[in-house]
Amino acid sequence: MLGVLFDYPNLDILEASVEDLTFQENSLNGIPVISGVMLASGQILATKKVVITTGTFLSGEIHIGQCLFKISPEQYPTSTRISPPPRVRTP
């Protein structure tokens, strides 16, 4: 199945942690529209479409007794910035 995705025309696949969404004002009605995503590295990838999927590691928390740890299973990093409701960010 991965071969099908990697060979699909006009589809770029990148494994990275998305930290935020970027928006720009729609010139027709003033409503913000998606303009890209900001990666954990700070790099912004411009795009007109974004697919958001949920995962185990969004705002990952582990509770052990009274202790709370911001972590995910198998020590993978969590994504905490994109977990709250998206904020409008203009470039």
PDB file of N, CA and C in Angstrom:
ATOM      1  N   MET A   1       0.820  -1.206   0.000  1.00  0.00           N
ATOM      2  CA  MET A   1       0.000   0.000   0.000  1.00  0.00           C
ATOM      3  C   MET A   1       0.860   1.265   0.000  1.00  0.00           C
ATOM      4  N   LEU A   2       1.970   1.241   0.736  1.00  0.00           N
ATOM      5  CA  LEU A   2       2.850   2.413   0.746  1.00  0.00           C
ATOM      6  C   LEU A   2       3.369   2.729  -0.646  1.00  0.00           C
ATOM      7  N   GLY A   3       3.665   1.702  -1.424  1.00  0.00           N
ATOM      8  CA  GLY A   3       4.137   1.914  -2.784  1.00  0.00           C
ATOM      9  C   GLY A   3       3.133   2.683  -3.611  1.00  0.00           C
ATOM     10  N   VAL A   4       1.855   2.375  -3.425  1.00  0.00           N
ATOM     11  CA  VAL A   4       0.790   3.085  -4.151  1.00  0.00           C
ATOM     12  C   VAL A   4       0.793   4.556  -3.763  1.00  0.00           C
ATOM     13  N   LEU A   5       0.916   4.837  -2.470  1.00  0.00           N
ATOM     14  CA  LEU A   5       0.919   6.230  -2.012  1.00  0.00           C
ATOM     15  C   LEU A   5       2.148   6.987  -2.502  1.00  0.00           C
ATOM     16  N   PHE A   6       3.321   6.368  -2.395  1.00  0.00           N
ATOM     17  CA  PHE A   6       4.549   7.040  -2.817  1.00  0.00           C
ATOM     18  C   PHE A   6       4.586   7.284  -4.323  1.00  0.00           C
ATOM     19  N   ASP A   7       3.891   6.453  -5.098  1.00  0.00           N
ATOM     20  CA  ASP A   7       3.860   6.613  -6.550  1.00  0.00           C
ATOM     21  C   ASP A   7       2.707   7.485  -7.035  1.00  0.00           C
ATOM     22  N   TYR A   8       1.843   7.928  -6.117  1.00  0.00           N
ATOM     23  CA  TYR A   8       0.664   8.703  -6.502  1.00  0.00           C
ATOM     24  C   TYR A   8       1.090  10.077  -7.019  1.00  0.00           C
ATOM     25  N   PRO A   9       0.581  10.491  -8.190  1.00  0.00           N
ATOM     26  CA  PRO A   9       0.993  11.787  -8.747  1.00  0.00           C
ATOM     27  C   PRO A   9       0.527  12.966  -7.893  1.00  0.00           C
ATOM     28  N   ASN A  10       1.374  13.980  -7.805  1.00  0.00           N
ATOM     29  CA  ASN A  10       1.080  15.231  -7.087  1.00  0.00           C
ATOM     30  C   ASN A  10       0.819  15.034  -5.597  1.00  0.00           C
ATOM     31  N   LEU A  11       1.361  13.968  -5.008  1.00  0.00           N
ATOM     32  CA  LEU A  11       1.221  13.731  -3.581  1.00  0.00           C
ATOM     33  C   LEU A  11       2.614  13.643  -2.969  1.00  0.00           C
ATOM     34  N   ASP A  12       2.881  14.521  -2.020  1.00  0.00           N
ATOM     35  CA  ASP A  12       4.147  14.493  -1.297  1.00  0.00           C
ATOM     36  C   ASP A  12       3.874  13.958   0.104  1.00  0.00           C
ATOM     37  N   ILE A  13       4.674  13.008   0.540  1.00  0.00           N
ATOM     38  CA  ILE A  13       4.519  12.424   1.864  1.00  0.00           C
ATOM     39  C   ILE A  13       5.739  12.806   2.688  1.00  0.00           C
ATOM     40  N   LEU A  14       5.475  13.377   3.869  1.00  0.00           N
ATOM     41  CA  LEU A  14       6.541  13.828   4.752  1.00  0.00           C
ATOM     42  C   LEU A  14       6.179  13.394   6.162  1.00  0.00           C
ATOM     43  N   GLU A  15       7.123  12.770   6.858  1.00  0.00           N
ATOM     44  CA  GLU A  15       6.900  12.408   8.252  1.00  0.00           C
ATOM     45  C   GLU A  15       7.497  13.493   9.122  1.00  0.00           C
ATOM     46  N   ALA A  16       6.635  14.217   9.827  1.00  0.00           N
ATOM     47  CA  ALA A  16       7.084  15.318  10.683  1.00  0.00           C
ATOM     48  C   ALA A  16       6.000  15.622  11.696  1.00  0.00           C
ATOM     49  N   SER A  17       6.376  16.306  12.746  1.00  0.00           N
ATOM     50  CA  SER A  17       5.426  16.708  13.769  1.00  0.00           C
ATOM     51  C   SER A  17       4.889  18.099  13.431  1.00  0.00           C
ATOM     52  N   VAL A  18       3.589  18.208  13.235  1.00  0.00           N
ATOM     53  CA  VAL A  18       2.945  19.495  12.966  1.00  0.00           C
ATOM     54  C   VAL A  18       2.602  20.140  14.296  1.00  0.00           C
ATOM     55  N   GLU A  19       3.058  21.377  14.480  1.00  0.00           N
ATOM     56  CA  GLU A  19       2.834  22.092  15.726  1.00  0.00           C
ATOM     57  C   GLU A  19       1.716  23.121  15.644  1.00  0.00           C
ATOM     58  N   ASP A  20       1.432  23.617  14.440  1.00  0.00           N
ATOM     59  CA  ASP A  20       0.411  24.659  14.324  1.00  0.00           C
ATOM     60  C   ASP A  20      -0.088  24.735  12.886  1.00  0.00           C
ATOM     61  N   LEU A  21      -1.193  25.416  12.716  1.00  0.00           N
ATOM     62  CA  LEU A  21      -1.762  25.670  11.396  1.00  0.00           C
ATOM     63  C   LEU A  21      -1.601  27.148  11.077  1.00  0.00           C
ATOM     64  N   THR A  22      -1.432  27.485   9.806  1.00  0.00           N
ATOM     65  CA  THR A  22      -1.371  28.892   9.409  1.00  0.00           C
ATOM     66  C   THR A  22      -2.566  29.191   8.519  1.00  0.00           C
ATOM     67  N   PHE A  23      -3.023  30.417   8.595  1.00  0.00           N
ATOM     68  CA  PHE A  23      -4.203  30.854   7.854  1.00  0.00           C
ATOM     69  C   PHE A  23      -3.913  32.175   7.162  1.00  0.00           C
ATOM     70  N   GLN A  24      -4.678  32.453   6.127  1.00  0.00           N
ATOM     71  CA  GLN A  24      -4.656  33.781   5.524  1.00  0.00           C
ATOM     72  C   GLN A  24      -6.102  34.188   5.280  1.00  0.00           C
ATOM     73  N   GLU A  25      -6.319  35.479   5.210  1.00  0.00           N
ATOM     74  CA  GLU A  25      -7.673  35.993   5.030  1.00  0.00           C
ATOM     75  C   GLU A  25      -8.133  35.778   3.590  1.00  0.00           C
ATOM     76  N   ASN A  26      -9.332  35.248   3.444  1.00  0.00           N
ATOM     77  CA  ASN A  26      -9.931  35.063   2.125  1.00  0.00           C
ATOM     78  C   ASN A  26     -10.300  36.436   1.574  1.00  0.00           C
ATOM     79  N   SER A  27      -9.800  36.776   0.394  1.00  0.00           N
ATOM     80  CA  SER A  27     -10.038  38.103  -0.171  1.00  0.00           C
ATOM     81  C   SER A  27     -11.496  38.327  -0.564  1.00  0.00           C
ATOM     82  N   LEU A  28     -12.268  37.271  -0.749  1.00  0.00           N
ATOM     83  CA  LEU A  28     -13.671  37.424  -1.146  1.00  0.00           C
ATOM     84  C   LEU A  28     -14.590  37.745   0.025  1.00  0.00           C
ATOM     85  N   ASN A  29     -14.367  37.073   1.168  1.00  0.00           N
ATOM     86  CA  ASN A  29     -15.309  37.264   2.272  1.00  0.00           C
ATOM     87  C   ASN A  29     -14.632  37.559   3.612  1.00  0.00           C
ATOM     88  N   GLY A  30     -13.305  37.627   3.633  1.00  0.00           N
ATOM     89  CA  GLY A  30     -12.599  37.955   4.865  1.00  0.00           C
ATOM     90  C   GLY A  30     -12.482  36.811   5.860  1.00  0.00           C
ATOM     91  N   ILE A  31     -12.992  35.642   5.529  1.00  0.00           N
ATOM     92  CA  ILE A  31     -12.920  34.492   6.427  1.00  0.00           C
ATOM     93  C   ILE A  31     -11.556  33.824   6.267  1.00  0.00           C
ATOM     94  N   PRO A  32     -10.862  33.542   7.369  1.00  0.00           N
ATOM     95  CA  PRO A  32      -9.553  32.892   7.262  1.00  0.00           C
ATOM     96  C   PRO A  32      -9.653  31.513   6.607  1.00  0.00           C
ATOM     97  N   VAL A  33      -8.693  31.208   5.761  1.00  0.00           N
ATOM     98  CA  VAL A  33      -8.602  29.891   5.126  1.00  0.00           C
ATOM     99  C   VAL A  33      -7.213  29.321   5.391  1.00  0.00           C
ATOM    100  N   ILE A  34      -7.118  28.004   5.403  1.00  0.00           N
ATOM    101  CA  ILE A  34      -5.836  27.348   5.677  1.00  0.00           C
ATOM    102  C   ILE A  34      -4.812  27.754   4.630  1.00  0.00           C
ATOM    103  N   SER A  35      -3.594  28.051   5.083  1.00  0.00           N
ATOM    104  CA  SER A  35      -2.530  28.404   4.139  1.00  0.00           C
ATOM    105  C   SER A  35      -1.280  27.550   4.329  1.00  0.00           C
ATOM    106  N   GLY A  36      -1.241  26.778   5.430  1.00  0.00           N
ATOM    107  CA  GLY A  36      -0.086  25.923   5.635  1.00  0.00           C
ATOM    108  C   GLY A  36      -0.056  25.311   7.012  1.00  0.00           C
ATOM    109  N   VAL A  37       1.040  24.599   7.273  1.00  0.00           N
ATOM    110  CA  VAL A  37       1.276  24.006   8.583  1.00  0.00           C
ATOM    111  C   VAL A  37       2.681  24.384   9.042  1.00  0.00           C
ATOM    112  N   MET A  38       2.836  24.554  10.355  1.00  0.00           N
ATOM    113  CA  MET A  38       4.150  24.829  10.916  1.00  0.00           C
ATOM    114  C   MET A  38       4.655  23.561  11.594  1.00  0.00           C
ATOM    115  N   LEU A  39       5.830  23.112  11.195  1.00  0.00           N
ATOM    116  CA  LEU A  39       6.427  21.912  11.763  1.00  0.00           C
ATOM    117  C   LEU A  39       7.139  22.228  13.069  1.00  0.00           C
ATOM    118  N   ALA A  40       7.477  21.200  13.825  1.00  0.00           N
ATOM    119  CA  ALA A  40       8.198  21.383  15.085  1.00  0.00           C
ATOM    120  C   ALA A  40       9.522  22.094  14.868  1.00  0.00           C
ATOM    121  N   SER A  41      10.105  21.941  13.691  1.00  0.00           N
ATOM    122  CA  SER A  41      11.374  22.602  13.367  1.00  0.00           C
ATOM    123  C   SER A  41      11.207  24.100  13.138  1.00  0.00           C
ATOM    124  N   GLY A  42       9.959  24.566  13.021  1.00  0.00           N
ATOM    125  CA  GLY A  42       9.682  25.969  12.708  1.00  0.00           C
ATOM    126  C   GLY A  42       9.434  26.201  11.232  1.00  0.00           C
ATOM    127  N   GLN A  43       9.749  25.214  10.409  1.00  0.00           N
ATOM    128  CA  GLN A  43       9.522  25.326   8.967  1.00  0.00           C
ATOM    129  C   GLN A  43       8.024  25.373   8.693  1.00  0.00           C
ATOM    130  N   ILE A  44       7.618  26.267   7.790  1.00  0.00           N
ATOM    131  CA  ILE A  44       6.211  26.354   7.394  1.00  0.00           C
ATOM    132  C   ILE A  44       6.074  25.793   5.990  1.00  0.00           C
ATOM    133  N   LEU A  45       5.167  24.834   5.849  1.00  0.00           N
ATOM    134  CA  LEU A  45       4.867  24.247   4.548  1.00  0.00           C
ATOM    135  C   LEU A  45       3.562  24.845   4.049  1.00  0.00           C
ATOM    136  N   ALA A  46       3.615  25.520   2.905  1.00  0.00           N
ATOM    137  CA  ALA A  46       2.416  26.120   2.324  1.00  0.00           C
ATOM    138  C   ALA A  46       1.557  25.021   1.699  1.00  0.00           C
ATOM    139  N   THR A  47       0.257  25.136   1.885  1.00  0.00           N
ATOM    140  CA  THR A  47      -0.674  24.158   1.322  1.00  0.00           C
ATOM    141  C   THR A  47      -2.070  24.752   1.262  1.00  0.00           C
ATOM    142  N   LYS A  48      -2.890  24.199   0.413  1.00  0.00           N
ATOM    143  CA  LYS A  48      -4.293  24.620   0.336  1.00  0.00           C
ATOM    144  C   LYS A  48      -5.207  23.629   1.045  1.00  0.00           C
ATOM    145  N   LYS A  49      -4.689  22.444   1.327  1.00  0.00           N
ATOM    146  CA  LYS A  49      -5.480  21.396   1.976  1.00  0.00           C
ATOM    147  C   LYS A  49      -4.655  20.752   3.087  1.00  0.00           C
ATOM    148  N   VAL A  50      -5.309  20.401   4.181  1.00  0.00           N
ATOM    149  CA  VAL A  50      -4.668  19.710   5.286  1.00  0.00           C
ATOM    150  C   VAL A  50      -5.602  18.598   5.743  1.00  0.00           C
ATOM    151  N   VAL A  51      -5.045  17.422   5.974  1.00  0.00           N
ATOM    152  CA  VAL A  51      -5.805  16.316   6.540  1.00  0.00           C
ATOM    153  C   VAL A  51      -5.342  16.172   7.984  1.00  0.00           C
ATOM    154  N   ILE A  52      -6.265  16.340   8.915  1.00  0.00           N
ATOM    155  CA  ILE A  52      -5.937  16.214  10.329  1.00  0.00           C
ATOM    156  C   ILE A  52      -6.443  14.867  10.813  1.00  0.00           C
ATOM    157  N   THR A  53      -5.542  14.103  11.400  1.00  0.00           N
ATOM    158  CA  THR A  53      -5.921  12.814  11.965  1.00  0.00           C
ATOM    159  C   THR A  53      -5.604  12.828  13.453  1.00  0.00           C
ATOM    160  N   THR A  54      -6.376  12.093  14.208  1.00  0.00           N
ATOM    161  CA  THR A  54      -6.095  12.001  15.641  1.00  0.00           C
ATOM    162  C   THR A  54      -5.104  10.885  15.874  1.00  0.00           C
ATOM    163  N   GLY A  55      -4.397  10.991  16.952  1.00  0.00           N
ATOM    164  CA  GLY A  55      -3.403   9.978  17.260  1.00  0.00           C
ATOM    165  C   GLY A  55      -3.215   9.831  18.750  1.00  0.00           C
ATOM    166  N   THR A  56      -2.508   8.826  19.114  1.00  0.00           N
ATOM    167  CA  THR A  56      -2.250   8.528  20.519  1.00  0.00           C
ATOM    168  C   THR A  56      -1.440   9.622  21.185  1.00  0.00           C
ATOM    169  N   PHE A  57      -0.622  10.319  20.429  1.00  0.00           N
ATOM    170  CA  PHE A  57       0.378  11.181  21.032  1.00  0.00           C
ATOM    171  C   PHE A  57      -0.024  12.654  21.108  1.00  0.00           C
ATOM    172  N   LEU A  58      -1.274  13.000  20.812  1.00  0.00           N
ATOM    173  CA  LEU A  58      -1.715  14.381  20.969  1.00  0.00           C
ATOM    174  C   LEU A  58      -1.950  14.649  22.452  1.00  0.00           C
ATOM    175  N   SER A  59      -1.258  15.617  23.003  1.00  0.00           N
ATOM    176  CA  SER A  59      -1.352  15.954  24.436  1.00  0.00           C
ATOM    177  C   SER A  59      -1.188  14.715  25.296  1.00  0.00           C
ATOM    178  N   GLY A  60      -0.224  13.878  24.954  1.00  0.00           N
ATOM    179  CA  GLY A  60      -0.030  12.624  25.674  1.00  0.00           C
ATOM    180  C   GLY A  60       0.260  12.841  27.146  1.00  0.00           C
ATOM    181  N   GLU A  61      -0.491  12.151  27.985  1.00  0.00           N
ATOM    182  CA  GLU A  61      -0.294  12.223  29.427  1.00  0.00           C
ATOM    183  C   GLU A  61      -0.332  10.809  29.999  1.00  0.00           C
ATOM    184  N   ILE A  62       0.544  10.565  30.953  1.00  0.00           N
ATOM    185  CA  ILE A  62       0.532   9.308  31.684  1.00  0.00           C
ATOM    186  C   ILE A  62       0.395   9.659  33.161  1.00  0.00           C
ATOM    187  N   HIS A  63      -0.559   9.036  33.824  1.00  0.00           N
ATOM    188  CA  HIS A  63      -0.791   9.258  35.254  1.00  0.00           C
ATOM    189  C   HIS A  63      -0.270   8.046  36.026  1.00  0.00           C
ATOM    190  N   ILE A  64       0.604   8.297  36.984  1.00  0.00           N
ATOM    191  CA  ILE A  64       1.079   7.255  37.893  1.00  0.00           C
ATOM    192  C   ILE A  64       0.860   7.794  39.304  1.00  0.00           C
ATOM    193  N   GLY A  65      -0.156   7.286  39.969  1.00  0.00           N
ATOM    194  CA  GLY A  65      -0.531   7.827  41.278  1.00  0.00           C
ATOM    195  C   GLY A  65      -0.933   9.277  41.130  1.00  0.00           C
ATOM    196  N   GLN A  66      -0.326  10.146  41.927  1.00  0.00           N
ATOM    197  CA  GLN A  66      -0.605  11.578  41.863  1.00  0.00           C
ATOM    198  C   GLN A  66       0.274  12.310  40.858  1.00  0.00           C
ATOM    199  N   CYS A  67       1.190  11.588  40.213  1.00  0.00           N
ATOM    200  CA  CYS A  67       2.126  12.208  39.269  1.00  0.00           C
ATOM    201  C   CYS A  67       1.562  12.195  37.855  1.00  0.00           C
ATOM    202  N   LEU A  68       1.803  13.262  37.142  1.00  0.00           N
ATOM    203  CA  LEU A  68       1.362  13.398  35.753  1.00  0.00           C
ATOM    204  C   LEU A  68       2.594  13.650  34.894  1.00  0.00           C
ATOM    205  N   PHE A  69       2.765  12.854  33.843  1.00  0.00           N
ATOM    206  CA  PHE A  69       3.890  13.001  32.938  1.00  0.00           C
ATOM    207  C   PHE A  69       3.386  13.325  31.544  1.00  0.00           C
ATOM    208  N   LYS A  70       3.965  14.351  30.909  1.00  0.00           N
ATOM    209  CA  LYS A  70       3.651  14.690  29.516  1.00  0.00           C
ATOM    210  C   LYS A  70       4.534  13.823  28.626  1.00  0.00           C
ATOM    211  N   ILE A  71       4.031  12.688  28.262  1.00  0.00           N
ATOM    212  CA  ILE A  71       4.804  11.742  27.463  1.00  0.00           C
ATOM    213  C   ILE A  71       3.821  10.792  26.800  1.00  0.00           C
ATOM    214  N   SER A  72       4.309  10.020  25.888  1.00  0.00           N
ATOM    215  CA  SER A  72       3.457   9.063  25.196  1.00  0.00           C
ATOM    216  C   SER A  72       4.054   7.672  25.322  1.00  0.00           C
ATOM    217  N   PRO A  73       3.304   6.661  24.933  1.00  0.00           N
ATOM    218  CA  PRO A  73       3.850   5.310  24.989  1.00  0.00           C
ATOM    219  C   PRO A  73       5.143   5.203  24.179  1.00  0.00           C
ATOM    220  N   GLU A  74       6.034   4.379  24.633  1.00  0.00           N
ATOM    221  CA  GLU A  74       7.291   4.083  23.953  1.00  0.00           C
ATOM    222  C   GLU A  74       8.192   5.312  23.809  1.00  0.00           C
ATOM    223  N   GLN A  75       7.985   6.333  24.653  1.00  0.00           N
ATOM    224  CA  GLN A  75       8.833   7.525  24.700  1.00  0.00           C
ATOM    225  C   GLN A  75       8.763   8.402  23.444  1.00  0.00           C
ATOM    226  N   TYR A  76       7.750   8.217  22.603  1.00  0.00           N
ATOM    227  CA  TYR A  76       7.601   9.099  21.444  1.00  0.00           C
ATOM    228  C   TYR A  76       7.194  10.478  21.934  1.00  0.00           C
ATOM    229  N   PRO A  77       7.655  11.542  21.279  1.00  0.00           N
ATOM    230  CA  PRO A  77       7.277  12.888  21.726  1.00  0.00           C
ATOM    231  C   PRO A  77       5.795  13.161  21.494  1.00  0.00           C
ATOM    232  N   THR A  78       5.238  14.002  22.343  1.00  0.00           N
ATOM    233  CA  THR A  78       3.838  14.383  22.180  1.00  0.00           C
ATOM    234  C   THR A  78       3.745  15.689  21.415  1.00  0.00           C
ATOM    235  N   SER A  79       2.594  15.945  20.855  1.00  0.00           N
ATOM    236  CA  SER A  79       2.328  17.217  20.189  1.00  0.00           C
ATOM    237  C   SER A  79       1.309  17.959  21.035  1.00  0.00           C
ATOM    238  N   THR A  80       1.756  18.988  21.729  1.00  0.00           N
ATOM    239  CA  THR A  80       0.847  19.703  22.629  1.00  0.00           C
ATOM    240  C   THR A  80       0.356  21.018  22.037  1.00  0.00           C
ATOM    241  N   ARG A  81       1.077  21.595  21.100  1.00  0.00           N
ATOM    242  CA  ARG A  81       0.658  22.897  20.555  1.00  0.00           C
ATOM    243  C   ARG A  81      -0.567  22.777  19.672  1.00  0.00           C
ATOM    244  N   ILE A  82      -0.684  21.705  18.892  1.00  0.00           N
ATOM    245  CA  ILE A  82      -1.812  21.602  17.969  1.00  0.00           C
ATOM    246  C   ILE A  82      -3.022  20.956  18.634  1.00  0.00           C
ATOM    247  N   SER A  83      -2.862  20.432  19.841  1.00  0.00           N
ATOM    248  CA  SER A  83      -3.960  19.754  20.520  1.00  0.00           C
ATOM    249  C   SER A  83      -5.097  20.676  20.937  1.00  0.00           C
ATOM    250  N   PRO A  84      -4.819  21.879  21.457  1.00  0.00           N
ATOM    251  CA  PRO A  84      -5.934  22.772  21.774  1.00  0.00           C
ATOM    252  C   PRO A  84      -6.625  23.218  20.486  1.00  0.00           C
ATOM    253  N   PRO A  85      -7.801  23.852  20.600  1.00  0.00           N
ATOM    254  CA  PRO A  85      -8.449  24.332  19.381  1.00  0.00           C
ATOM    255  C   PRO A  85      -7.502  25.212  18.579  1.00  0.00           C
ATOM    256  N   PRO A  86      -7.463  25.050  17.266  1.00  0.00           N
ATOM    257  CA  PRO A  86      -6.545  25.846  16.441  1.00  0.00           C
ATOM    258  C   PRO A  86      -6.777  27.345  16.616  1.00  0.00           C
ATOM    259  N   ARG A  87      -5.684  28.096  16.625  1.00  0.00           N
ATOM    260  CA  ARG A  87      -5.739  29.555  16.701  1.00  0.00           C
ATOM    261  C   ARG A  87      -5.511  30.095  15.306  1.00  0.00           C
ATOM    262  N   VAL A  88      -6.095  31.215  15.018  1.00  0.00           N
ATOM    263  CA  VAL A  88      -5.865  31.831  13.725  1.00  0.00           C
ATOM    264  C   VAL A  88      -4.497  32.487  13.737  1.00  0.00           C
ATOM    265  N   ARG A  89      -3.632  32.083  12.813  1.00  0.00           N
ATOM    266  CA  ARG A  89      -2.283  32.647  12.718  1.00  0.00           C
ATOM    267  C   ARG A  89      -2.118  33.107  11.276  1.00  0.00           C
ATOM    268  N   THR A  90      -1.777  34.348  11.124  1.00  0.00           N
ATOM    269  CA  THR A  90      -1.538  34.857   9.773  1.00  0.00           C
ATOM    270  C   THR A  90      -0.045  35.035   9.575  1.00  0.00           C
ATOM    271  N   PRO A  91       0.455  34.746   8.367  1.00  0.00           N
ATOM    272  CA  PRO A  91       1.897  34.845   8.136  1.00  0.00           C
ATOM    273  C   PRO A  91       2.409  36.266   8.241  1.00  0.00           C
TER     274      PRO A  91
END
